[in-house]
Amino acid sequence: MKCLFLAFSLFFSSFAAAYDLGTPIQHASNEYLKNGLEAFIPALLKGSPMEGEKSAYTQSSALRQIEAYYGNYLGIEPMFEKELSSKTRLVYYVMNYENSPVFGFALLYKKKEGEIVTNFNFNTKLWEIMPSEAIFK
């Protein structure tokens, strides 16, 4: 009976995934909650080659429009992650607002000092962010 329970537990635990947002994404979310929208992108790109890049900061205007329709930002949850190499992984996440979710991804690169975001995007449409193979796997 114990063997059957163990086999059953191992089988179903393989379906439960605990995805890791990564420090840069979690830190950016915390900054967004604590200090508002303007703190999100700078926190997300801290230490990245894109840090200080004006084109990356234009994403703040898109989030400002999203907030106008979707309400206040409530937090972030990981949706899926994929290790691409020993130093690179892709993380898909859901940004929760009062009235609707926003979907995003970030490409994380592992340096000696820790992970950094090297690319990111978000959209109100899931299918614009995440490949259907990952959605319907």
C-alpha atoms as a PDB file:
ATOM      1  CA  MET A   1       0.000   0.000   0.000  1.00  0.00           C
ATOM      2  CA  LYS A   2       2.841   2.395   0.841  1.00  0.00           C
ATOM      3  CA  CYS A   3       4.465   1.652  -2.531  1.00  0.00           C
ATOM      4  CA  LEU A   4       1.205   2.382  -4.322  1.00  0.00           C
ATOM      5  CA  PHE A   5       0.821   5.694  -2.454  1.00  0.00           C
ATOM      6  CA  LEU A   6       4.433   6.639  -3.223  1.00  0.00           C
ATOM      7  CA  ALA A   7       4.030   5.831  -6.929  1.00  0.00           C
ATOM      8  CA  PHE A   8       0.762   7.778  -7.047  1.00  0.00           C
ATOM      9  CA  SER A   9       2.363  10.791  -5.307  1.00  0.00           C
ATOM     10  CA  LEU A  10       5.392  10.795  -7.602  1.00  0.00           C
ATOM     11  CA  PHE A  11       3.225  10.536 -10.704  1.00  0.00           C
ATOM     12  CA  PHE A  12       0.998  13.484  -9.817  1.00  0.00           C
ATOM     13  CA  SER A  13       3.790  15.618  -8.372  1.00  0.00           C
ATOM     14  CA  SER A  14       5.417  15.621 -11.808  1.00  0.00           C
ATOM     15  CA  PHE A  15       2.462  17.720 -13.041  1.00  0.00           C
ATOM     16  CA  ALA A  16       2.864  20.343 -10.340  1.00  0.00           C
ATOM     17  CA  ALA A  17       5.466  22.884 -11.342  1.00  0.00           C
ATOM     18  CA  ALA A  18       6.932  25.547  -9.133  1.00  0.00           C
ATOM     19  CA  TYR A  19       8.279  28.141 -11.507  1.00  0.00           C
ATOM     20  CA  ASP A  20      10.827  30.718 -10.424  1.00  0.00           C
ATOM     21  CA  LEU A  21      10.322  34.334 -11.519  1.00  0.00           C
ATOM     22  CA  GLY A  22      13.917  35.174 -10.785  1.00  0.00           C
ATOM     23  CA  THR A  23      15.256  37.942  -8.594  1.00  0.00           C
ATOM     24  CA  PRO A  24      15.100  40.742 -11.202  1.00  0.00           C
ATOM     25  CA  ILE A  25      11.422  40.142 -12.002  1.00  0.00           C
ATOM     26  CA  GLN A  26      10.401  39.691  -8.369  1.00  0.00           C
ATOM     27  CA  HIS A  27      12.368  42.802  -7.359  1.00  0.00           C
ATOM     28  CA  ALA A  28      10.728  44.839 -10.152  1.00  0.00           C
ATOM     29  CA  SER A  29       7.274  43.682  -9.040  1.00  0.00           C
ATOM     30  CA  ASN A  30       8.014  44.643  -5.441  1.00  0.00           C
ATOM     31  CA  GLU A  31       9.193  48.079  -6.590  1.00  0.00           C
ATOM     32  CA  TYR A  32       6.035  48.509  -8.674  1.00  0.00           C
ATOM     33  CA  LEU A  33       3.864  47.690  -5.666  1.00  0.00           C
ATOM     34  CA  LYS A  34       5.842  49.905  -3.303  1.00  0.00           C
ATOM     35  CA  ASN A  35       6.855  52.872  -5.485  1.00  0.00           C
ATOM     36  CA  GLY A  36       4.510  52.772  -8.479  1.00  0.00           C
ATOM     37  CA  LEU A  37       4.790  52.193 -12.181  1.00  0.00           C
ATOM     38  CA  GLU A  38       7.824  54.429 -12.755  1.00  0.00           C
ATOM     39  CA  ALA A  39       9.929  52.146 -10.541  1.00  0.00           C
ATOM     40  CA  PHE A  40       9.099  48.927 -12.417  1.00  0.00           C
ATOM     41  CA  ILE A  41      11.201  49.159 -15.613  1.00  0.00           C
ATOM     42  CA  PRO A  42      14.345  50.589 -13.933  1.00  0.00           C
ATOM     43  CA  ALA A  43      14.207  47.802 -11.333  1.00  0.00           C
ATOM     44  CA  LEU A  44      13.632  45.164 -14.017  1.00  0.00           C
ATOM     45  CA  LEU A  45      16.656  46.312 -16.022  1.00  0.00           C
ATOM     46  CA  LYS A  46      19.070  46.886 -13.138  1.00  0.00           C
ATOM     47  CA  GLY A  47      22.489  45.529 -14.139  1.00  0.00           C
ATOM     48  CA  SER A  48      21.272  44.711 -17.661  1.00  0.00           C
ATOM     49  CA  PRO A  49      22.887  45.956 -20.873  1.00  0.00           C
ATOM     50  CA  MET A  50      19.511  47.681 -21.453  1.00  0.00           C
ATOM     51  CA  GLU A  51      19.732  49.628 -18.186  1.00  0.00           C
ATOM     52  CA  GLY A  52      19.320  53.304 -19.029  1.00  0.00           C
ATOM     53  CA  GLU A  53      18.263  52.537 -22.625  1.00  0.00           C
ATOM     54  CA  LYS A  54      15.508  55.052 -23.473  1.00  0.00           C
ATOM     55  CA  SER A  55      13.656  52.701 -25.850  1.00  0.00           C
ATOM     56  CA  ALA A  56      13.166  50.143 -23.054  1.00  0.00           C
ATOM     57  CA  TYR A  57      11.645  52.788 -20.796  1.00  0.00           C
ATOM     58  CA  THR A  58       8.927  53.576 -23.342  1.00  0.00           C
ATOM     59  CA  GLN A  59       7.253  50.378 -22.094  1.00  0.00           C
ATOM     60  CA  SER A  60       6.193  52.456 -19.071  1.00  0.00           C
ATOM     61  CA  SER A  61       3.728  54.383 -21.260  1.00  0.00           C
ATOM     62  CA  ALA A  62       2.097  51.103 -22.323  1.00  0.00           C
ATOM     63  CA  LEU A  63       1.735  50.080 -18.680  1.00  0.00           C
ATOM     64  CA  ARG A  64       0.266  53.503 -17.885  1.00  0.00           C
ATOM     65  CA  GLN A  65      -2.459  52.882 -20.486  1.00  0.00           C
ATOM     66  CA  ILE A  66      -3.042  49.382 -19.115  1.00  0.00           C
ATOM     67  CA  GLU A  67      -3.462  50.782 -15.595  1.00  0.00           C
ATOM     68  CA  ALA A  68      -6.035  53.285 -16.891  1.00  0.00           C
ATOM     69  CA  TYR A  69      -8.259  50.404 -18.074  1.00  0.00           C
ATOM     70  CA  TYR A  70      -7.314  47.518 -15.808  1.00  0.00           C
ATOM     71  CA  GLY A  71      -6.908  49.338 -12.497  1.00  0.00           C
ATOM     72  CA  ASN A  72      -4.165  49.077  -9.922  1.00  0.00           C
ATOM     73  CA  TYR A  73      -1.336  46.572 -10.102  1.00  0.00           C
ATOM     74  CA  LEU A  74      -1.778  43.726  -7.595  1.00  0.00           C
ATOM     75  CA  GLY A  75       1.278  41.534  -8.148  1.00  0.00           C
ATOM     76  CA  ILE A  76       2.929  38.992 -10.383  1.00  0.00           C
ATOM     77  CA  GLU A  77       2.854  35.210 -10.770  1.00  0.00           C
ATOM     78  CA  PRO A  78       5.073  32.891 -12.789  1.00  0.00           C
ATOM     79  CA  MET A  79       3.277  31.040 -15.555  1.00  0.00           C
ATOM     80  CA  PHE A  80       5.984  28.962 -17.229  1.00  0.00           C
ATOM     81  CA  GLU A  81       9.748  28.831 -17.510  1.00  0.00           C
ATOM     82  CA  LYS A  82      12.094  27.174 -19.926  1.00  0.00           C
ATOM     83  CA  GLU A  83      15.819  26.676 -19.420  1.00  0.00           C
ATOM     84  CA  LEU A  84      17.447  27.433 -22.758  1.00  0.00           C
ATOM     85  CA  SER A  85      21.052  26.851 -21.691  1.00  0.00           C
ATOM     86  CA  SER A  86      23.091  26.647 -18.515  1.00  0.00           C
ATOM     87  CA  LYS A  87      23.103  30.462 -18.349  1.00  0.00           C
ATOM     88  CA  THR A  88      19.864  31.463 -20.079  1.00  0.00           C
ATOM     89  CA  ARG A  89      16.209  30.913 -19.274  1.00  0.00           C
ATOM     90  CA  LEU A  90      12.902  32.273 -20.448  1.00  0.00           C
ATOM     91  CA  VAL A  91      10.221  33.130 -17.889  1.00  0.00           C
ATOM     92  CA  TYR A  92       6.584  33.776 -18.741  1.00  0.00           C
ATOM     93  CA  TYR A  93       4.500  35.545 -16.117  1.00  0.00           C
ATOM     94  CA  VAL A  94       1.102  37.087 -15.375  1.00  0.00           C
ATOM     95  CA  MET A  95       0.896  40.625 -14.049  1.00  0.00           C
ATOM     96  CA  ASN A  96      -2.355  40.851 -12.091  1.00  0.00           C
ATOM     97  CA  TYR A  97      -4.346  44.092 -12.130  1.00  0.00           C
ATOM     98  CA  GLU A  98      -7.676  44.787 -10.457  1.00  0.00           C
ATOM     99  CA  ASN A  99      -9.739  44.075 -13.584  1.00  0.00           C
ATOM    100  CA  SER A 100      -7.637  41.869 -15.864  1.00  0.00           C
ATOM    101  CA  PRO A 101      -4.303  40.114 -16.316  1.00  0.00           C
ATOM    102  CA  VAL A 102      -1.376  41.232 -18.459  1.00  0.00           C
ATOM    103  CA  PHE A 103       0.996  38.605 -19.830  1.00  0.00           C
ATOM    104  CA  GLY A 104       4.729  38.966 -20.144  1.00  0.00           C
ATOM    105  CA  PHE A 105       8.047  37.262 -20.656  1.00  0.00           C
ATOM    106  CA  ALA A 106      11.622  37.999 -19.712  1.00  0.00           C
ATOM    107  CA  LEU A 107      14.842  36.474 -20.950  1.00  0.00           C
ATOM    108  CA  LEU A 108      17.172  36.013 -17.989  1.00  0.00           C
ATOM    109  CA  TYR A 109      20.924  35.612 -18.268  1.00  0.00           C
ATOM    110  CA  LYS A 110      23.016  34.247 -15.402  1.00  0.00           C
ATOM    111  CA  LYS A 111      26.155  36.243 -14.612  1.00  0.00           C
ATOM    112  CA  LYS A 112      28.583  35.725 -11.772  1.00  0.00           C
ATOM    113  CA  GLU A 113      26.720  38.403  -9.778  1.00  0.00           C
ATOM    114  CA  GLY A 114      23.291  36.853 -10.445  1.00  0.00           C
ATOM    115  CA  GLU A 115      20.606  36.910 -13.107  1.00  0.00           C
ATOM    116  CA  ILE A 116      19.816  39.943 -15.259  1.00  0.00           C
ATOM    117  CA  VAL A 117      17.021  40.628 -17.741  1.00  0.00           C
ATOM    118  CA  THR A 118      18.312  40.943 -21.304  1.00  0.00           C
ATOM    119  CA  ASN A 119      14.946  41.120 -23.080  1.00  0.00           C
ATOM    120  CA  PHE A 120      11.299  41.477 -22.023  1.00  0.00           C
ATOM    121  CA  ASN A 121       7.837  42.216 -23.322  1.00  0.00           C
ATOM    122  CA  PHE A 122       4.235  42.183 -22.132  1.00  0.00           C
ATOM    123  CA  ASN A 123       0.812  42.323 -23.719  1.00  0.00           C
ATOM    124  CA  THR A 124      -2.850  42.080 -22.778  1.00  0.00           C
ATOM    125  CA  LYS A 125      -3.216  39.186 -25.232  1.00  0.00           C
ATOM    126  CA  LEU A 126      -1.711  35.906 -24.057  1.00  0.00           C
ATOM    127  CA  TRP A 127      -1.183  34.570 -27.593  1.00  0.00           C
ATOM    128  CA  GLU A 128       0.992  37.619 -28.435  1.00  0.00           C
ATOM    129  CA  ILE A 129       3.420  36.637 -25.675  1.00  0.00           C
ATOM    130  CA  MET A 130       3.398  32.882 -25.250  1.00  0.00           C
ATOM    131  CA  PRO A 131       3.596  30.207 -27.952  1.00  0.00           C
ATOM    132  CA  SER A 132       0.507  28.021 -28.188  1.00  0.00           C
ATOM    133  CA  GLU A 133       2.627  24.896 -27.549  1.00  0.00           C
ATOM    134  CA  ALA A 134       3.358  26.204 -24.052  1.00  0.00           C
ATOM    135  CA  ILE A 135      -0.241  27.261 -23.430  1.00  0.00           C
ATOM    136  CA  PHE A 136      -1.810  23.976 -24.492  1.00  0.00           C
ATOM    137  CA  LYS A 137       0.931  21.510 -23.514  1.00  0.00           C
END
